[in-house]
Amino acid sequence: MELNADFSKRAAVHAATLPWVASPMAGVDRRMLDRIGDEIARATSIVRYAPGSHFSPHTHGGGEEFLVLEGVFTDEHGDFPAGSYIRNPPTSRHTPGSEPGCVIFVKLWQFDPKDRAQVRIDTGGLAFVSRAEHAGIAELNLFQDAHETVRLERWAPDTTIARTPRGGAELLVLRGMFRAGRAIVGGPLNRQPSRRRRVRSR
């Protein structure tokens, strides 16, 4: 399967309009945002765990990172409420599930093969830092290395910047909407190739 697989092109995906697709495990469904491959795939998805559902134990050959959007995600490392950012590098292993149910935004097989950085952050209550160079934007950094930066951003209404993302950018819109060039994006996923673009929140 190939879905939004050309990363040289802009893509905007509104997950709420997509159907839930059953996974091989009962009670675990997905909304596929981009994908290259079948069940073992380079993939970006919204994943929904029904209450009491679990995935079988597995090893992440290409790594996994996710943000808990609703509910509580659980594995042998702990319970992770909404707002938790988890980064499981290649060779990591776990048995995921959720007793109350949860929804997560997850990316698979998108790590450097040598990456071994394990990250677990509960963002609830953490302080966002305002950016002096961009009035109206506050940030909470989650991860950074030589290849990528992962962060949460809060934009005040009518904030406008001209941004040239080196290497491109992928944006998950959790609340509100913004305009990128002529396109209005209400979320959740917006991919921007590496070229200058004027971005404004609404």
C-alpha atoms as a PDB file:
ATOM      1  CA  MET A   1       0.000   0.000   0.000  1.00  0.00           C
ATOM      2  CA  GLU A   2       1.150   3.548  -0.771  1.00  0.00           C
ATOM      3  CA  LEU A   3      -0.753   6.460   0.780  1.00  0.00           C
ATOM      4  CA  ASN A   4       0.560  10.060   0.630  1.00  0.00           C
ATOM      5  CA  ALA A   5       3.904   8.422  -0.089  1.00  0.00           C
ATOM      6  CA  ASP A   6       5.558  11.198  -2.157  1.00  0.00           C
ATOM      7  CA  PHE A   7       7.358  13.296   0.447  1.00  0.00           C
ATOM      8  CA  SER A   8       8.387  15.922  -2.102  1.00  0.00           C
ATOM      9  CA  LYS A   9       4.728  17.015  -2.308  1.00  0.00           C
ATOM     10  CA  ARG A  10       2.543  18.837   0.179  1.00  0.00           C
ATOM     11  CA  ALA A  11      -0.175  16.728   1.808  1.00  0.00           C
ATOM     12  CA  ALA A  12      -3.107  17.741   4.030  1.00  0.00           C
ATOM     13  CA  VAL A  13      -5.180  14.985   5.637  1.00  0.00           C
ATOM     14  CA  HIS A  14      -8.355  15.526   7.688  1.00  0.00           C
ATOM     15  CA  ALA A  15      -8.510  12.404   9.849  1.00  0.00           C
ATOM     16  CA  ALA A  16     -12.094  12.946  11.018  1.00  0.00           C
ATOM     17  CA  THR A  17     -13.252  12.260   7.452  1.00  0.00           C
ATOM     18  CA  LEU A  18     -11.354   8.951   7.192  1.00  0.00           C
ATOM     19  CA  PRO A  19     -12.825   5.537   8.025  1.00  0.00           C
ATOM     20  CA  TRP A  20     -11.504   3.457  10.900  1.00  0.00           C
ATOM     21  CA  VAL A  21      -9.685   0.401   9.512  1.00  0.00           C
ATOM     22  CA  ALA A  22      -9.401  -2.712  11.666  1.00  0.00           C
ATOM     23  CA  SER A  23      -5.927  -3.874  12.652  1.00  0.00           C
ATOM     24  CA  PRO A  24      -5.014  -7.564  13.048  1.00  0.00           C
ATOM     25  CA  MET A  25      -5.791  -7.226  16.795  1.00  0.00           C
ATOM     26  CA  ALA A  26      -9.433  -7.117  17.950  1.00  0.00           C
ATOM     27  CA  GLY A  27     -10.455  -3.730  19.322  1.00  0.00           C
ATOM     28  CA  VAL A  28      -7.582  -1.787  17.728  1.00  0.00           C
ATOM     29  CA  ASP A  29      -8.507   0.368  14.709  1.00  0.00           C
ATOM     30  CA  ARG A  30      -6.571   2.865  12.597  1.00  0.00           C
ATOM     31  CA  ARG A  31      -7.066   5.957  10.492  1.00  0.00           C
ATOM     32  CA  MET A  32      -4.199   5.879   7.998  1.00  0.00           C
ATOM     33  CA  LEU A  33      -2.594   9.252   7.219  1.00  0.00           C
ATOM     34  CA  ASP A  34       0.426   8.099   5.239  1.00  0.00           C
ATOM     35  CA  ARG A  35       1.756   4.630   4.579  1.00  0.00           C
ATOM     36  CA  ILE A  36       4.364   2.745   2.573  1.00  0.00           C
ATOM     37  CA  GLY A  37       3.841  -0.995   3.022  1.00  0.00           C
ATOM     38  CA  ASP A  38       1.213  -3.351   4.375  1.00  0.00           C
ATOM     39  CA  GLU A  39       1.098  -4.532   8.022  1.00  0.00           C
ATOM     40  CA  ILE A  40       4.839  -3.905   8.444  1.00  0.00           C
ATOM     41  CA  ALA A  41       5.033  -0.379   7.073  1.00  0.00           C
ATOM     42  CA  ARG A  42       6.485   3.073   7.277  1.00  0.00           C
ATOM     43  CA  ALA A  43       3.290   4.625   8.565  1.00  0.00           C
ATOM     44  CA  THR A  44       1.653   7.615  10.233  1.00  0.00           C
ATOM     45  CA  SER A  45      -1.748   6.863  11.775  1.00  0.00           C
ATOM     46  CA  ILE A  46      -4.361   7.736  14.353  1.00  0.00           C
ATOM     47  CA  VAL A  47      -4.874   4.530  16.368  1.00  0.00           C
ATOM     48  CA  ARG A  48      -7.879   3.817  18.605  1.00  0.00           C
ATOM     49  CA  TYR A  49      -7.777   1.197  21.368  1.00  0.00           C
ATOM     50  CA  ALA A  50     -11.191   0.059  22.622  1.00  0.00           C
ATOM     51  CA  PRO A  51     -11.466  -0.379  26.414  1.00  0.00           C
ATOM     52  CA  GLY A  52      -9.659  -3.544  27.495  1.00  0.00           C
ATOM     53  CA  SER A  53      -7.926  -4.090  24.133  1.00  0.00           C
ATOM     54  CA  HIS A  54      -4.280  -5.081  23.801  1.00  0.00           C
ATOM     55  CA  PHE A  55      -1.724  -5.627  21.077  1.00  0.00           C
ATOM     56  CA  SER A  56       0.505  -8.678  21.117  1.00  0.00           C
ATOM     57  CA  PRO A  57       4.137  -8.299  22.318  1.00  0.00           C
ATOM     58  CA  HIS A  58       6.356  -6.968  19.545  1.00  0.00           C
ATOM     59  CA  THR A  59       9.755  -5.456  18.784  1.00  0.00           C
ATOM     60  CA  HIS A  60      10.067  -2.174  16.905  1.00  0.00           C
ATOM     61  CA  GLY A  61      12.480  -2.905  14.087  1.00  0.00           C
ATOM     62  CA  GLY A  62      12.178   0.637  12.721  1.00  0.00           C
ATOM     63  CA  GLY A  63      11.181   2.490  15.890  1.00  0.00           C
ATOM     64  CA  GLU A  64       7.899   4.009  17.054  1.00  0.00           C
ATOM     65  CA  GLU A  65       6.893   7.389  18.438  1.00  0.00           C
ATOM     66  CA  PHE A  66       3.452   8.474  19.547  1.00  0.00           C
ATOM     67  CA  LEU A  67       1.445  11.154  21.329  1.00  0.00           C
ATOM     68  CA  VAL A  68      -1.503  10.090  23.487  1.00  0.00           C
ATOM     69  CA  LEU A  69      -4.494  12.183  22.382  1.00  0.00           C
ATOM     70  CA  GLU A  70      -7.252  10.689  24.572  1.00  0.00           C
ATOM     71  CA  GLY A  71      -7.535   8.169  27.390  1.00  0.00           C
ATOM     72  CA  VAL A  72      -4.651   6.209  28.937  1.00  0.00           C
ATOM     73  CA  PHE A  73      -2.138   4.071  27.013  1.00  0.00           C
ATOM     74  CA  THR A  74      -0.460   1.265  28.951  1.00  0.00           C
ATOM     75  CA  ASP A  75       2.487  -1.070  28.514  1.00  0.00           C
ATOM     76  CA  GLU A  76       4.962  -2.731  30.866  1.00  0.00           C
ATOM     77  CA  HIS A  77       6.772   0.612  31.272  1.00  0.00           C
ATOM     78  CA  GLY A  78       3.766   2.391  32.804  1.00  0.00           C
ATOM     79  CA  ASP A  79       0.455   4.158  32.277  1.00  0.00           C
ATOM     80  CA  PHE A  80       0.578   7.156  29.941  1.00  0.00           C
ATOM     81  CA  PRO A  81      -2.331   9.647  30.027  1.00  0.00           C
ATOM     82  CA  ALA A  82      -3.403  12.091  27.323  1.00  0.00           C
ATOM     83  CA  GLY A  83      -0.526  14.449  26.556  1.00  0.00           C
ATOM     84  CA  SER A  84       2.190  11.794  26.940  1.00  0.00           C
ATOM     85  CA  TYR A  85       4.923  11.670  24.277  1.00  0.00           C
ATOM     86  CA  ILE A  86       6.657   8.297  23.897  1.00  0.00           C
ATOM     87  CA  ARG A  87       9.629   7.478  21.714  1.00  0.00           C
ATOM     88  CA  ASN A  88      10.520   3.780  21.367  1.00  0.00           C
ATOM     89  CA  PRO A  89      13.691   3.398  19.268  1.00  0.00           C
ATOM     90  CA  PRO A  90      14.628   0.499  16.979  1.00  0.00           C
ATOM     91  CA  THR A  91      15.082  -2.821  18.882  1.00  0.00           C
ATOM     92  CA  SER A  92      12.734  -1.695  21.715  1.00  0.00           C
ATOM     93  CA  ARG A  93       9.970  -4.091  22.747  1.00  0.00           C
ATOM     94  CA  HIS A  94       6.641  -3.782  24.555  1.00  0.00           C
ATOM     95  CA  THR A  95       3.092  -5.096  24.933  1.00  0.00           C
ATOM     96  CA  PRO A  96       0.710  -2.145  24.437  1.00  0.00           C
ATOM     97  CA  GLY A  97      -2.913  -1.852  25.455  1.00  0.00           C
ATOM     98  CA  SER A  98      -5.480   0.270  27.261  1.00  0.00           C
ATOM     99  CA  GLU A  99      -7.933  -0.609  29.999  1.00  0.00           C
ATOM    100  CA  PRO A 100     -10.096   2.555  29.704  1.00  0.00           C
ATOM    101  CA  GLY A 101      -9.442   2.939  25.949  1.00  0.00           C
ATOM    102  CA  CYS A 102      -7.284   5.532  24.237  1.00  0.00           C
ATOM    103  CA  VAL A 103      -6.477   7.305  20.967  1.00  0.00           C
ATOM    104  CA  ILE A 104      -2.882   7.917  19.900  1.00  0.00           C
ATOM    105  CA  PHE A 105      -1.076   9.615  17.008  1.00  0.00           C
ATOM    106  CA  VAL A 106       1.687   7.200  16.019  1.00  0.00           C
ATOM    107  CA  LYS A 107       4.594   7.074  13.565  1.00  0.00           C
ATOM    108  CA  LEU A 108       6.317   3.780  12.691  1.00  0.00           C
ATOM    109  CA  TRP A 109       9.555   2.898  10.894  1.00  0.00           C
ATOM    110  CA  GLN A 110      10.743   6.528  10.655  1.00  0.00           C
ATOM    111  CA  PHE A 111      13.896   6.353  12.828  1.00  0.00           C
ATOM    112  CA  ASP A 112      17.582   6.289  11.991  1.00  0.00           C
ATOM    113  CA  PRO A 113      18.483   2.577  12.361  1.00  0.00           C
ATOM    114  CA  LYS A 114      21.202   3.494  14.902  1.00  0.00           C
ATOM    115  CA  ASP A 115      18.884   5.630  17.074  1.00  0.00           C
ATOM    116  CA  ARG A 116      18.553   4.258  20.615  1.00  0.00           C
ATOM    117  CA  ALA A 117      17.064   7.300  22.389  1.00  0.00           C
ATOM    118  CA  GLN A 118      14.175   6.265  24.641  1.00  0.00           C
ATOM    119  CA  VAL A 119      11.875   9.153  25.622  1.00  0.00           C
ATOM    120  CA  ARG A 120       8.820   9.218  27.903  1.00  0.00           C
ATOM    121  CA  ILE A 121       7.360  12.657  28.701  1.00  0.00           C
ATOM    122  CA  ASP A 122       4.071  13.579  30.340  1.00  0.00           C
ATOM    123  CA  THR A 123       3.516  17.065  28.924  1.00  0.00           C
ATOM    124  CA  GLY A 124       0.652  17.830  31.312  1.00  0.00           C
ATOM    125  CA  GLY A 125       1.658  20.772  33.500  1.00  0.00           C
ATOM    126  CA  LEU A 126       4.948  21.452  31.687  1.00  0.00           C
ATOM    127  CA  ALA A 127       5.660  25.074  30.784  1.00  0.00           C
ATOM    128  CA  PHE A 128       5.700  26.287  27.187  1.00  0.00           C
ATOM    129  CA  VAL A 129       8.417  28.830  26.331  1.00  0.00           C
ATOM    130  CA  SER A 130       7.631  31.903  24.232  1.00  0.00           C
ATOM    131  CA  ARG A 131       9.742  32.544  21.154  1.00  0.00           C
ATOM    132  CA  ALA A 132      11.246  36.025  21.037  1.00  0.00           C
ATOM    133  CA  GLU A 133      11.697  35.835  17.252  1.00  0.00           C
ATOM    134  CA  HIS A 134       8.051  34.812  16.670  1.00  0.00           C
ATOM    135  CA  ALA A 135       5.551  36.738  18.764  1.00  0.00           C
ATOM    136  CA  GLY A 136       2.457  34.702  19.581  1.00  0.00           C
ATOM    137  CA  ILE A 137       4.152  31.275  19.502  1.00  0.00           C
ATOM    138  CA  ALA A 138       5.118  29.251  22.589  1.00  0.00           C
ATOM    139  CA  GLU A 139       6.974  25.928  22.388  1.00  0.00           C
ATOM    140  CA  LEU A 140       7.556  22.766  24.391  1.00  0.00           C
ATOM    141  CA  ASN A 141      10.485  20.759  23.018  1.00  0.00           C
ATOM    142  CA  LEU A 142      10.080  16.979  23.195  1.00  0.00           C
ATOM    143  CA  PHE A 143      13.074  15.638  21.267  1.00  0.00           C
ATOM    144  CA  GLN A 144      15.928  16.880  19.096  1.00  0.00           C
ATOM    145  CA  ASP A 145      18.892  15.274  17.365  1.00  0.00           C
ATOM    146  CA  ALA A 146      20.897  15.876  14.189  1.00  0.00           C
ATOM    147  CA  HIS A 147      18.012  14.633  12.025  1.00  0.00           C
ATOM    148  CA  GLU A 148      14.821  16.081  13.490  1.00  0.00           C
ATOM    149  CA  THR A 149      13.117  18.270  16.069  1.00  0.00           C
ATOM    150  CA  VAL A 150       9.846  17.252  17.750  1.00  0.00           C
ATOM    151  CA  ARG A 151       7.879  19.853  19.706  1.00  0.00           C
ATOM    152  CA  LEU A 152       4.461  21.109  20.696  1.00  0.00           C
ATOM    153  CA  GLU A 153       3.545  24.671  19.718  1.00  0.00           C
ATOM    154  CA  ARG A 154       0.757  26.981  20.855  1.00  0.00           C
ATOM    155  CA  TRP A 155      -0.157  29.786  18.483  1.00  0.00           C
ATOM    156  CA  ALA A 156      -2.149  32.832  19.531  1.00  0.00           C
ATOM    157  CA  PRO A 157      -4.987  33.844  17.170  1.00  0.00           C
ATOM    158  CA  ASP A 158      -3.868  35.709  14.035  1.00  0.00           C
ATOM    159  CA  THR A 159      -0.207  34.758  14.476  1.00  0.00           C
ATOM    160  CA  THR A 160       1.625  34.926  11.137  1.00  0.00           C
ATOM    161  CA  ILE A 161       5.138  33.773  10.230  1.00  0.00           C
ATOM    162  CA  ALA A 162       7.066  33.101   7.029  1.00  0.00           C
ATOM    163  CA  ARG A 163       8.725  29.720   7.516  1.00  0.00           C
ATOM    164  CA  THR A 164      11.180  27.744   5.403  1.00  0.00           C
ATOM    165  CA  PRO A 165      11.397  24.320   7.070  1.00  0.00           C
ATOM    166  CA  ARG A 166      14.839  22.863   6.335  1.00  0.00           C
ATOM    167  CA  GLY A 167      14.182  19.307   5.237  1.00  0.00           C
ATOM    168  CA  GLY A 168      10.418  19.901   5.377  1.00  0.00           C
ATOM    169  CA  ALA A 169       7.936  19.831   8.253  1.00  0.00           C
ATOM    170  CA  GLU A 170       5.028  17.696   9.387  1.00  0.00           C
ATOM    171  CA  LEU A 171       2.334  19.325  11.534  1.00  0.00           C
ATOM    172  CA  LEU A 172      -0.339  17.648  13.641  1.00  0.00           C
ATOM    173  CA  VAL A 173      -3.103  20.165  14.353  1.00  0.00           C
ATOM    174  CA  LEU A 174      -4.700  19.340  17.717  1.00  0.00           C
ATOM    175  CA  ARG A 175      -6.975  22.379  18.074  1.00  0.00           C
ATOM    176  CA  GLY A 176      -7.941  25.323  15.883  1.00  0.00           C
ATOM    177  CA  MET A 177      -6.805  25.783  12.305  1.00  0.00           C
ATOM    178  CA  PHE A 178      -4.225  27.652  10.277  1.00  0.00           C
ATOM    179  CA  ARG A 179      -3.583  28.844   6.764  1.00  0.00           C
ATOM    180  CA  ALA A 180      -0.484  27.630   4.882  1.00  0.00           C
ATOM    181  CA  GLY A 181      -0.174  29.638   1.691  1.00  0.00           C
ATOM    182  CA  ARG A 182      -3.688  29.541   0.226  1.00  0.00           C
ATOM    183  CA  ALA A 183      -4.729  26.343   2.017  1.00  0.00           C
ATOM    184  CA  ILE A 184      -6.755  26.363   5.254  1.00  0.00           C
ATOM    185  CA  VAL A 185      -5.767  23.428   7.450  1.00  0.00           C
ATOM    186  CA  GLY A 186      -8.045  22.184  10.218  1.00  0.00           C
ATOM    187  CA  GLY A 187      -6.046  19.052  10.868  1.00  0.00           C
ATOM    188  CA  PRO A 188      -4.888  16.835  11.875  1.00  0.00           C
ATOM    189  CA  LEU A 189      -1.939  16.219   9.528  1.00  0.00           C
ATOM    190  CA  ASN A 190      -0.234  18.730   7.266  1.00  0.00           C
ATOM    191  CA  ARG A 191       3.082  17.988   5.536  1.00  0.00           C
ATOM    192  CA  GLN A 192       5.143  20.869   4.143  1.00  0.00           C
ATOM    193  CA  PRO A 193       8.049  20.282   1.722  1.00  0.00           C
ATOM    194  CA  SER A 194      11.216  22.312   2.172  1.00  0.00           C
ATOM    195  CA  ARG A 195      10.256  25.647   0.660  1.00  0.00           C
ATOM    196  CA  ARG A 196       9.256  29.038   1.999  1.00  0.00           C
ATOM    197  CA  ARG A 197       5.611  29.380   2.975  1.00  0.00           C
ATOM    198  CA  ARG A 198       3.571  31.962   4.890  1.00  0.00           C
ATOM    199  CA  VAL A 199       1.670  30.397   7.802  1.00  0.00           C
ATOM    200  CA  ARG A 200      -1.097  32.048   9.857  1.00  0.00           C
ATOM    201  CA  SER A 201      -3.228  30.771  12.760  1.00  0.00           C
ATOM    202  CA  ARG A 202      -6.959  31.456  12.955  1.00  0.00           C
END
